[in-house]
PDB file of N, CA and C in Angstrom:
ATOM      1  N   UNK A   1       3.231 -20.234  -3.993  1.00  0.00           N
ATOM      2  CA  UNK A   1       1.860 -20.093  -3.590  1.00  0.00           C
ATOM      3  C   UNK A   1       2.174 -19.035  -2.160  1.00  0.00           C
ATOM      4  N   UNK A   2       1.712 -17.706  -2.528  1.00  0.00           N
ATOM      5  CA  UNK A   2       1.914 -16.946  -1.674  1.00  0.00           C
ATOM      6  C   UNK A   2       0.989 -17.134  -0.697  1.00  0.00           C
ATOM      7  N   UNK A   3       0.017 -17.567  -0.865  1.00  0.00           N
ATOM      8  CA  UNK A   3      -1.259 -17.617   0.071  1.00  0.00           C
ATOM      9  C   UNK A   3      -0.975 -17.967   1.550  1.00  0.00           C
ATOM     10  N   UNK A   4       0.359 -18.751   2.008  1.00  0.00           N
ATOM     11  CA  UNK A   4       0.294 -19.100   3.101  1.00  0.00           C
ATOM     12  C   UNK A   4       1.991 -18.568   3.426  1.00  0.00           C
ATOM     13  N   UNK A   5       1.834 -18.563   4.823  1.00  0.00           N
ATOM     14  CA  UNK A   5       3.178 -18.386   5.532  1.00  0.00           C
ATOM     15  C   UNK A   5       4.568 -18.929   4.662  1.00  0.00           C
ATOM     16  N   UNK A   6       4.026 -20.172   4.656  1.00  0.00           N
ATOM     17  CA  UNK A   6       5.372 -21.369   4.216  1.00  0.00           C
ATOM     18  C   UNK A   6       5.789 -20.262   2.816  1.00  0.00           C
ATOM     19  N   UNK A   7       4.804 -20.482   1.993  1.00  0.00           N
ATOM     20  CA  UNK A   7       4.794 -19.974   0.893  1.00  0.00           C
ATOM     21  C   UNK A   7       5.270 -18.673   0.433  1.00  0.00           C
ATOM     22  N   UNK A   8       4.972 -17.707   1.506  1.00  0.00           N
ATOM     23  CA  UNK A   8       5.891 -16.543   1.530  1.00  0.00           C
ATOM     24  C   UNK A   8       7.310 -16.420   1.825  1.00  0.00           C
ATOM     25  N   UNK A   9       7.622 -17.442   2.870  1.00  0.00           N
ATOM     26  CA  UNK A   9       9.046 -17.648   3.104  1.00  0.00           C
ATOM     27  C   UNK A   9       9.765 -18.546   2.225  1.00  0.00           C
ATOM     28  N   UNK A  10       9.061 -19.095   1.590  1.00  0.00           N
ATOM     29  CA  UNK A  10       9.706 -19.958   0.397  1.00  0.00           C
ATOM     30  C   UNK A  10      10.168 -18.788  -0.766  1.00  0.00           C
ATOM     31  N   UNK A  11       9.140 -17.991  -0.692  1.00  0.00           N
ATOM     32  CA  UNK A  11       9.434 -17.177  -1.864  1.00  0.00           C
ATOM     33  C   UNK A  11      10.675 -15.982  -1.975  1.00  0.00           C
ATOM     34  N   UNK A  12      10.423 -15.601  -0.265  1.00  0.00           N
ATOM     35  CA  UNK A  12      11.740 -14.759   0.257  1.00  0.00           C
ATOM     36  C   UNK A  12      12.962 -15.217   0.479  1.00  0.00           C
ATOM     37  N   UNK A  13      13.019 -16.309   0.323  1.00  0.00           N
ATOM     38  CA  UNK A  13      14.229 -17.028   0.851  1.00  0.00           C
ATOM     39  C   UNK A  13      15.639 -17.056  -0.220  1.00  0.00           C
ATOM     40  N   UNK A  14      15.000 -16.837  -1.084  1.00  0.00           N
ATOM     41  CA  UNK A  14      16.247 -16.473  -2.060  1.00  0.00           C
ATOM     42  C   UNK A  14      16.190 -15.200  -2.568  1.00  0.00           C
ATOM     43  N   UNK A  15      15.735 -14.103  -1.700  1.00  0.00           N
ATOM     44  CA  UNK A  15      15.599 -12.860  -1.863  1.00  0.00           C
ATOM     45  C   UNK A  15      16.914 -12.078  -0.875  1.00  0.00           C
ATOM     46  N   UNK A  16      17.598 -11.202  -1.673  1.00  0.00           N
ATOM     47  CA  UNK A  16      18.695 -10.879  -0.802  1.00  0.00           C
ATOM     48  C   UNK A  16      18.162  -9.563  -0.127  1.00  0.00           C
ATOM     49  N   UNK A  17      17.072  -8.839  -0.355  1.00  0.00           N
ATOM     50  CA  UNK A  17      16.324  -8.078   0.434  1.00  0.00           C
ATOM     51  C   UNK A  17      16.377  -8.221   1.941  1.00  0.00           C
ATOM     52  N   UNK A  18      15.784  -9.329   2.638  1.00  0.00           N
ATOM     53  CA  UNK A  18      15.499  -9.583   3.981  1.00  0.00           C
ATOM     54  C   UNK A  18      16.453 -10.852   4.105  1.00  0.00           C
ATOM     55  N   UNK A  19      17.196 -10.570   5.576  1.00  0.00           N
ATOM     56  CA  UNK A  19      17.242 -12.011   5.890  1.00  0.00           C
ATOM     57  C   UNK A  19      16.272 -12.756   6.462  1.00  0.00           C
ATOM     58  N   UNK A  20      16.703 -14.325   6.783  1.00  0.00           N
ATOM     59  CA  UNK A  20      15.711 -15.031   7.249  1.00  0.00           C
ATOM     60  C   UNK A  20      14.861 -14.838   8.311  1.00  0.00           C
ATOM     61  N   UNK A  21      15.827 -14.256   9.152  1.00  0.00           N
ATOM     62  CA  UNK A  21      15.175 -13.702  10.384  1.00  0.00           C
ATOM     63  C   UNK A  21      14.612 -12.483  10.430  1.00  0.00           C
ATOM     64  N   UNK A  22      14.761 -11.411   9.417  1.00  0.00           N
ATOM     65  CA  UNK A  22      13.941 -10.637   9.204  1.00  0.00           C
ATOM     66  C   UNK A  22      12.524 -10.948   8.643  1.00  0.00           C
ATOM     67  N   UNK A  23      12.481 -11.477   7.688  1.00  0.00           N
ATOM     68  CA  UNK A  23      11.243 -12.268   7.143  1.00  0.00           C
ATOM     69  C   UNK A  23      10.360 -12.863   8.265  1.00  0.00           C
ATOM     70  N   UNK A  24      11.118 -13.562   9.232  1.00  0.00           N
ATOM     71  CA  UNK A  24       9.971 -14.487  10.214  1.00  0.00           C
ATOM     72  C   UNK A  24       9.812 -13.411  11.211  1.00  0.00           C
ATOM     73  N   UNK A  25      10.337 -12.544  11.495  1.00  0.00           N
ATOM     74  CA  UNK A  25       9.957 -11.437  12.434  1.00  0.00           C
ATOM     75  C   UNK A  25       8.855 -10.683  11.932  1.00  0.00           C
ATOM     76  N   UNK A  26       8.816 -10.060  10.479  1.00  0.00           N
ATOM     77  CA  UNK A  26       7.773  -9.537  10.031  1.00  0.00           C
ATOM     78  C   UNK A  26       6.529  -9.898  10.112  1.00  0.00           C
ATOM     79  N   UNK A  27       6.767 -11.457   9.585  1.00  0.00           N
ATOM     80  CA  UNK A  27       5.482 -12.260   9.402  1.00  0.00           C
ATOM     81  C   UNK A  27       5.070 -12.776  10.713  1.00  0.00           C
ATOM     82  N   UNK A  28       5.632 -12.611  11.620  1.00  0.00           N
ATOM     83  CA  UNK A  28       5.178 -12.897  12.994  1.00  0.00           C
ATOM     84  C   UNK A  28       4.558 -11.557  13.205  1.00  0.00           C
ATOM     85  N   UNK A  29       4.675 -10.584  13.023  1.00  0.00           N
ATOM     86  CA  UNK A  29       4.247  -9.298  13.526  1.00  0.00           C
ATOM     87  C   UNK A  29       2.632  -9.096  12.842  1.00  0.00           C
ATOM     88  N   UNK A  30       2.769  -9.544  11.480  1.00  0.00           N
ATOM     89  CA  UNK A  30       1.495  -9.773  11.131  1.00  0.00           C
ATOM     90  C   UNK A  30       0.092 -10.395  11.557  1.00  0.00           C
ATOM     91  N   UNK A  31       0.289 -11.474  12.925  1.00  0.00           N
ATOM     92  CA  UNK A  31      -0.589 -11.796  13.278  1.00  0.00           C
ATOM     93  C   UNK A  31      -0.650 -11.410  14.727  1.00  0.00           C
ATOM     94  N   UNK A  32       0.063  -9.627  14.991  1.00  0.00           N
ATOM     95  CA  UNK A  32      -0.077  -9.116  16.081  1.00  0.00           C
ATOM     96  C   UNK A  32      -1.364  -8.445  16.230  1.00  0.00           C
ATOM     97  N   UNK A  33      -2.246  -8.385  17.275  1.00  0.00           N
ATOM     98  CA  UNK A  33      -3.383  -7.392  17.357  1.00  0.00           C
ATOM     99  C   UNK A  33      -3.166  -5.874  16.859  1.00  0.00           C
ATOM    100  N   UNK A  34      -2.015  -5.853  17.449  1.00  0.00           N
ATOM    101  CA  UNK A  34      -1.633  -4.194  16.921  1.00  0.00           C
ATOM    102  C   UNK A  34      -1.687  -4.061  15.229  1.00  0.00           C
ATOM    103  N   UNK A  35      -1.237  -5.166  14.764  1.00  0.00           N
ATOM    104  CA  UNK A  35      -1.351  -4.646  13.199  1.00  0.00           C
ATOM    105  C   UNK A  35      -2.205  -4.887  12.427  1.00  0.00           C
ATOM    106  N   UNK A  36      -3.065  -6.205  13.129  1.00  0.00           N
ATOM    107  CA  UNK A  36      -4.585  -6.352  12.856  1.00  0.00           C
ATOM    108  C   UNK A  36      -5.611  -4.938  13.197  1.00  0.00           C
ATOM    109  N   UNK A  37      -5.285  -4.183  13.727  1.00  0.00           N
ATOM    110  CA  UNK A  37      -6.107  -2.989  14.375  1.00  0.00           C
ATOM    111  C   UNK A  37      -5.768  -1.852  13.283  1.00  0.00           C
ATOM    112  N   UNK A  38      -4.403  -2.295  12.952  1.00  0.00           N
ATOM    113  CA  UNK A  38      -3.712  -0.734  12.227  1.00  0.00           C
ATOM    114  C   UNK A  38      -4.079  -1.099  10.904  1.00  0.00           C
ATOM    115  N   UNK A  39      -4.415  -2.303  10.191  1.00  0.00           N
ATOM    116  CA  UNK A  39      -5.008  -2.694   9.052  1.00  0.00           C
ATOM    117  C   UNK A  39      -6.479  -1.922   8.612  1.00  0.00           C
ATOM    118  N   UNK A  40      -7.150  -2.529   9.819  1.00  0.00           N
ATOM    119  CA  UNK A  40      -8.482  -1.965   9.737  1.00  0.00           C
ATOM    120  C   UNK A  40      -8.637  -0.409   9.811  1.00  0.00           C
ATOM    121  N   UNK A  41      -8.059  -0.078  10.976  1.00  0.00           N
ATOM    122  CA  UNK A  41      -8.248   1.377  10.430  1.00  0.00           C
ATOM    123  C   UNK A  41      -7.906   2.225   9.239  1.00  0.00           C
ATOM    124  N   UNK A  42      -6.608   1.794   8.658  1.00  0.00           N
ATOM    125  CA  UNK A  42      -6.257   2.270   7.145  1.00  0.00           C
ATOM    126  C   UNK A  42      -7.256   1.695   5.795  1.00  0.00           C
ATOM    127  N   UNK A  43      -7.677   0.228   6.279  1.00  0.00           N
ATOM    128  CA  UNK A  43      -8.361   0.281   5.551  1.00  0.00           C
ATOM    129  C   UNK A  43     -10.105   1.190   5.453  1.00  0.00           C
ATOM    130  N   UNK A  44     -10.172   1.478   6.476  1.00  0.00           N
ATOM    131  CA  UNK A  44     -11.346   2.354   6.755  1.00  0.00           C
ATOM    132  C   UNK A  44     -11.019   3.787   6.458  1.00  0.00           C
ATOM    133  N   UNK A  45      -9.888   4.081   6.460  1.00  0.00           N
ATOM    134  CA  UNK A  45      -9.698   5.771   6.205  1.00  0.00           C
ATOM    135  C   UNK A  45      -9.572   5.924   4.363  1.00  0.00           C
ATOM    136  N   UNK A  46      -8.908   4.839   3.797  1.00  0.00           N
ATOM    137  CA  UNK A  46      -9.054   4.902   2.642  1.00  0.00           C
ATOM    138  C   UNK A  46     -10.590   4.468   2.093  1.00  0.00           C
ATOM    139  N   UNK A  47     -11.207   3.711   2.562  1.00  0.00           N
ATOM    140  CA  UNK A  47     -12.795   3.650   2.025  1.00  0.00           C
ATOM    141  C   UNK A  47     -13.403   4.918   2.107  1.00  0.00           C
ATOM    142  N   UNK A  48     -13.244   5.815   3.608  1.00  0.00           N
ATOM    143  CA  UNK A  48     -13.650   6.822   3.713  1.00  0.00           C
ATOM    144  C   UNK A  48     -13.296   8.115   2.616  1.00  0.00           C
ATOM    145  N   UNK A  49     -12.164   7.324   1.639  1.00  0.00           N
ATOM    146  CA  UNK A  49     -11.983   8.867   0.991  1.00  0.00           C
ATOM    147  C   UNK A  49     -12.117   8.497  -0.504  1.00  0.00           C
ATOM    148  N   UNK A  50     -13.035   6.814  -0.571  1.00  0.00           N
ATOM    149  CA  UNK A  50     -13.752   6.496  -1.558  1.00  0.00           C
ATOM    150  C   UNK A  50     -13.121   5.667  -2.602  1.00  0.00           C
ATOM    151  N   UNK A  51     -12.407   5.031  -2.035  1.00  0.00           N
ATOM    152  CA  UNK A  51     -11.722   3.749  -2.149  1.00  0.00           C
ATOM    153  C   UNK A  51     -12.254   2.730  -2.555  1.00  0.00           C
ATOM    154  N   UNK A  52     -12.403   1.858  -4.312  1.00  0.00           N
ATOM    155  CA  UNK A  52     -13.266   1.175  -4.282  1.00  0.00           C
ATOM    156  C   UNK A  52     -12.280  -0.283  -5.122  1.00  0.00           C
ATOM    157  N   UNK A  53     -10.680  -0.259  -4.827  1.00  0.00           N
ATOM    158  CA  UNK A  53      -9.959  -0.534  -5.551  1.00  0.00           C
ATOM    159  C   UNK A  53      -8.455  -0.424  -5.464  1.00  0.00           C
ATOM    160  N   UNK A  54      -7.673  -1.490  -6.106  1.00  0.00           N
ATOM    161  CA  UNK A  54      -6.263  -1.132  -5.848  1.00  0.00           C
ATOM    162  C   UNK A  54      -5.310  -1.131  -7.193  1.00  0.00           C
ATOM    163  N   UNK A  55      -4.742  -0.725  -7.326  1.00  0.00           N
ATOM    164  CA  UNK A  55      -3.982   0.542  -6.578  1.00  0.00           C
ATOM    165  C   UNK A  55      -4.735   1.877  -6.403  1.00  0.00           C
ATOM    166  N   UNK A  56      -4.932   2.449  -5.237  1.00  0.00           N
ATOM    167  CA  UNK A  56      -5.714   3.166  -4.915  1.00  0.00           C
ATOM    168  C   UNK A  56      -4.863   4.607  -4.469  1.00  0.00           C
ATOM    169  N   UNK A  57      -4.776   5.676  -5.420  1.00  0.00           N
ATOM    170  CA  UNK A  57      -3.627   6.836  -4.793  1.00  0.00           C
ATOM    171  C   UNK A  57      -4.387   7.771  -4.577  1.00  0.00           C
ATOM    172  N   UNK A  58      -4.053   8.449  -3.127  1.00  0.00           N
ATOM    173  CA  UNK A  58      -4.652   9.586  -2.568  1.00  0.00           C
ATOM    174  C   UNK A  58      -3.400  10.726  -2.734  1.00  0.00           C
ATOM    175  N   UNK A  59      -4.022  12.043  -3.752  1.00  0.00           N
ATOM    176  CA  UNK A  59      -3.251  13.059  -3.963  1.00  0.00           C
ATOM    177  C   UNK A  59      -3.632  14.410  -2.846  1.00  0.00           C
ATOM    178  N   UNK A  60      -2.826  14.940  -2.687  1.00  0.00           N
ATOM    179  CA  UNK A  60      -3.437  16.081  -1.749  1.00  0.00           C
ATOM    180  C   UNK A  60      -3.082  17.264  -2.435  1.00  0.00           C
ATOM    181  N   UNK A  61      -4.154  17.778  -2.531  1.00  0.00           N
ATOM    182  CA  UNK A  61      -3.737  19.222  -3.559  1.00  0.00           C
ATOM    183  C   UNK A  61      -2.777  20.335  -3.293  1.00  0.00           C
ATOM    184  N   UNK A  62      -1.868  20.538  -4.029  1.00  0.00           N
ATOM    185  CA  UNK A  62      -1.137  21.842  -3.353  1.00  0.00           C
ATOM    186  C   UNK A  62      -1.837  22.770  -3.054  1.00  0.00           C
ATOM    187  N   UNK A  63      -1.607  23.615  -1.907  1.00  0.00           N
ATOM    188  CA  UNK A  63      -2.024  24.751  -1.192  1.00  0.00           C
ATOM    189  C   UNK A  63      -3.353  24.402  -0.471  1.00  0.00           C
ATOM    190  N   UNK A  64      -3.776  23.427  -0.622  1.00  0.00           N
ATOM    191  CA  UNK A  64      -5.250  23.148   0.088  1.00  0.00           C
ATOM    192  C   UNK A  64      -4.850  21.680   1.137  1.00  0.00           C
ATOM    193  N   UNK A  65      -5.986  21.494   1.882  1.00  0.00           N
ATOM    194  CA  UNK A  65      -5.980  20.388   2.474  1.00  0.00           C
ATOM    195  C   UNK A  65      -6.814  19.446   1.664  1.00  0.00           C
ATOM    196  N   UNK A  66      -7.501  19.771   0.414  1.00  0.00           N
ATOM    197  CA  UNK A  66      -8.431  18.757  -0.123  1.00  0.00           C
ATOM    198  C   UNK A  66      -7.496  17.653  -0.868  1.00  0.00           C
ATOM    199  N   UNK A  67      -8.451  16.454  -0.992  1.00  0.00           N
ATOM    200  CA  UNK A  67      -7.501  14.921  -1.181  1.00  0.00           C
ATOM    201  C   UNK A  67      -8.551  14.509  -2.427  1.00  0.00           C
ATOM    202  N   UNK A  68      -7.678  14.101  -3.475  1.00  0.00           N
ATOM    203  CA  UNK A  68      -8.424  13.383  -4.535  1.00  0.00           C
ATOM    204  C   UNK A  68      -7.849  12.262  -4.844  1.00  0.00           C
ATOM    205  N   UNK A  69      -8.883  11.109  -5.018  1.00  0.00           N
ATOM    206  CA  UNK A  69      -8.448   9.781  -4.986  1.00  0.00           C
ATOM    207  C   UNK A  69      -8.377   9.638  -6.711  1.00  0.00           C
ATOM    208  N   UNK A  70      -7.367   8.370  -7.113  1.00  0.00           N
ATOM    209  CA  UNK A  70      -7.021   7.918  -8.573  1.00  0.00           C
ATOM    210  C   UNK A  70      -6.706   6.468  -8.087  1.00  0.00           C
ATOM    211  N   UNK A  71      -7.675   5.887  -8.912  1.00  0.00           N
ATOM    212  CA  UNK A  71      -7.809   4.332  -8.838  1.00  0.00           C
ATOM    213  C   UNK A  71      -7.071   4.011 -10.336  1.00  0.00           C
ATOM    214  N   UNK A  72      -5.976   2.857 -10.164  1.00  0.00           N
ATOM    215  CA  UNK A  72      -4.851   2.559 -11.006  1.00  0.00           C
ATOM    216  C   UNK A  72      -3.624   3.264 -11.601  1.00  0.00           C
ATOM    217  N   UNK A  73      -3.030   2.344 -12.080  1.00  0.00           N
ATOM    218  CA  UNK A  73      -1.990   2.733 -12.244  1.00  0.00           C
ATOM    219  C   UNK A  73      -1.663   3.486 -13.349  1.00  0.00           C
ATOM    220  N   UNK A  74      -2.709   3.881 -14.257  1.00  0.00           N
ATOM    221  CA  UNK A  74      -2.569   4.004 -15.574  1.00  0.00           C
ATOM    222  C   UNK A  74      -2.887   5.770 -15.598  1.00  0.00           C
ATOM    223  N   UNK A  75      -3.246   6.160 -13.866  1.00  0.00           N
ATOM    224  CA  UNK A  75      -3.817   7.637 -13.976  1.00  0.00           C
ATOM    225  C   UNK A  75      -2.803   8.875 -13.508  1.00  0.00           C
ATOM    226  N   UNK A  76      -1.321   8.264 -13.751  1.00  0.00           N
ATOM    227  CA  UNK A  76      -0.264   9.048 -13.374  1.00  0.00           C
ATOM    228  C   UNK A  76      -0.288  10.410 -14.225  1.00  0.00           C
ATOM    229  N   UNK A  77      -0.785  10.365 -15.398  1.00  0.00           N
ATOM    230  CA  UNK A  77      -0.579  11.630 -16.343  1.00  0.00           C
ATOM    231  C   UNK A  77      -1.959  12.620 -15.573  1.00  0.00           C
ATOM    232  N   UNK A  78      -2.835  11.845 -14.907  1.00  0.00           N
ATOM    233  CA  UNK A  78      -3.979  13.041 -14.256  1.00  0.00           C
ATOM    234  C   UNK A  78      -3.447  13.450 -12.948  1.00  0.00           C
ATOM    235  N   UNK A  79      -2.643  12.451 -12.697  1.00  0.00           N
ATOM    236  CA  UNK A  79      -2.124  13.246 -10.833  1.00  0.00           C
ATOM    237  C   UNK A  79      -1.196  14.295 -11.072  1.00  0.00           C
ATOM    238  N   UNK A  80      -0.088  14.083 -12.285  1.00  0.00           N
ATOM    239  CA  UNK A  80       1.083  15.279 -12.782  1.00  0.00           C
ATOM    240  C   UNK A  80       0.107  16.298 -13.182  1.00  0.00           C
ATOM    241  N   UNK A  81      -1.324  16.379 -13.921  1.00  0.00           N
ATOM    242  CA  UNK A  81      -1.520  17.542 -14.247  1.00  0.00           C
ATOM    243  C   UNK A  81      -2.257  18.400 -12.924  1.00  0.00           C
ATOM    244  N   UNK A  82      -2.894  17.334 -11.922  1.00  0.00           N
ATOM    245  CA  UNK A  82      -3.352  17.973 -10.800  1.00  0.00           C
ATOM    246  C   UNK A  82      -2.235  18.956 -10.075  1.00  0.00           C
ATOM    247  N   UNK A  83      -1.202  18.121 -10.064  1.00  0.00           N
ATOM    248  CA  UNK A  83       0.217  18.811  -9.303  1.00  0.00           C
ATOM    249  C   UNK A  83       1.005  19.878 -10.105  1.00  0.00           C
ATOM    250  N   UNK A  84       0.340  20.485 -11.537  1.00  0.00           N
ATOM    251  CA  UNK A  84       0.910  21.127 -12.352  1.00  0.00           C
ATOM    252  C   UNK A  84       2.273  20.632 -12.948  1.00  0.00           C
ATOM    253  N   UNK A  85       2.319  19.554 -12.863  1.00  0.00           N
ATOM    254  CA  UNK A  85       3.680  18.905 -13.567  1.00  0.00           C
ATOM    255  C   UNK A  85       3.531  18.120 -15.123  1.00  0.00           C
ATOM    256  N   UNK A  86       4.648  18.134 -15.606  1.00  0.00           N
ATOM    257  CA  UNK A  86       4.507  17.348 -16.608  1.00  0.00           C
ATOM    258  C   UNK A  86       4.752  15.817 -16.522  1.00  0.00           C
ATOM    259  N   UNK A  87       4.208  14.898 -17.354  1.00  0.00           N
ATOM    260  CA  UNK A  87       4.503  13.479 -17.488  1.00  0.00           C
ATOM    261  C   UNK A  87       4.396  13.296 -18.828  1.00  0.00           C
ATOM    262  N   UNK A  88       5.361  12.183 -18.888  1.00  0.00           N
ATOM    263  CA  UNK A  88       5.875  11.566 -20.174  1.00  0.00           C
ATOM    264  C   UNK A  88       6.017   9.892 -19.746  1.00  0.00           C
TER     265      UNK A  88
END
């Protein structure tokens, strides 16, 4: 159950990606006001770009500052087309 801190710790206990001290460090940071404020800020930023679900991918169109959002991991072919790349 990764819906709780203990569940996350247990899930990561057998991982070689992070040490136990790193897991504890990052989990403690999730409760800081700084991280909470950043999450709210970034959530509002992506909502302002039109996000309505996850994954939401924002692509800056080459040669401009224009951004286009894509919903879903099945949109990579459209992103490639926008960027002038091939996708297979």
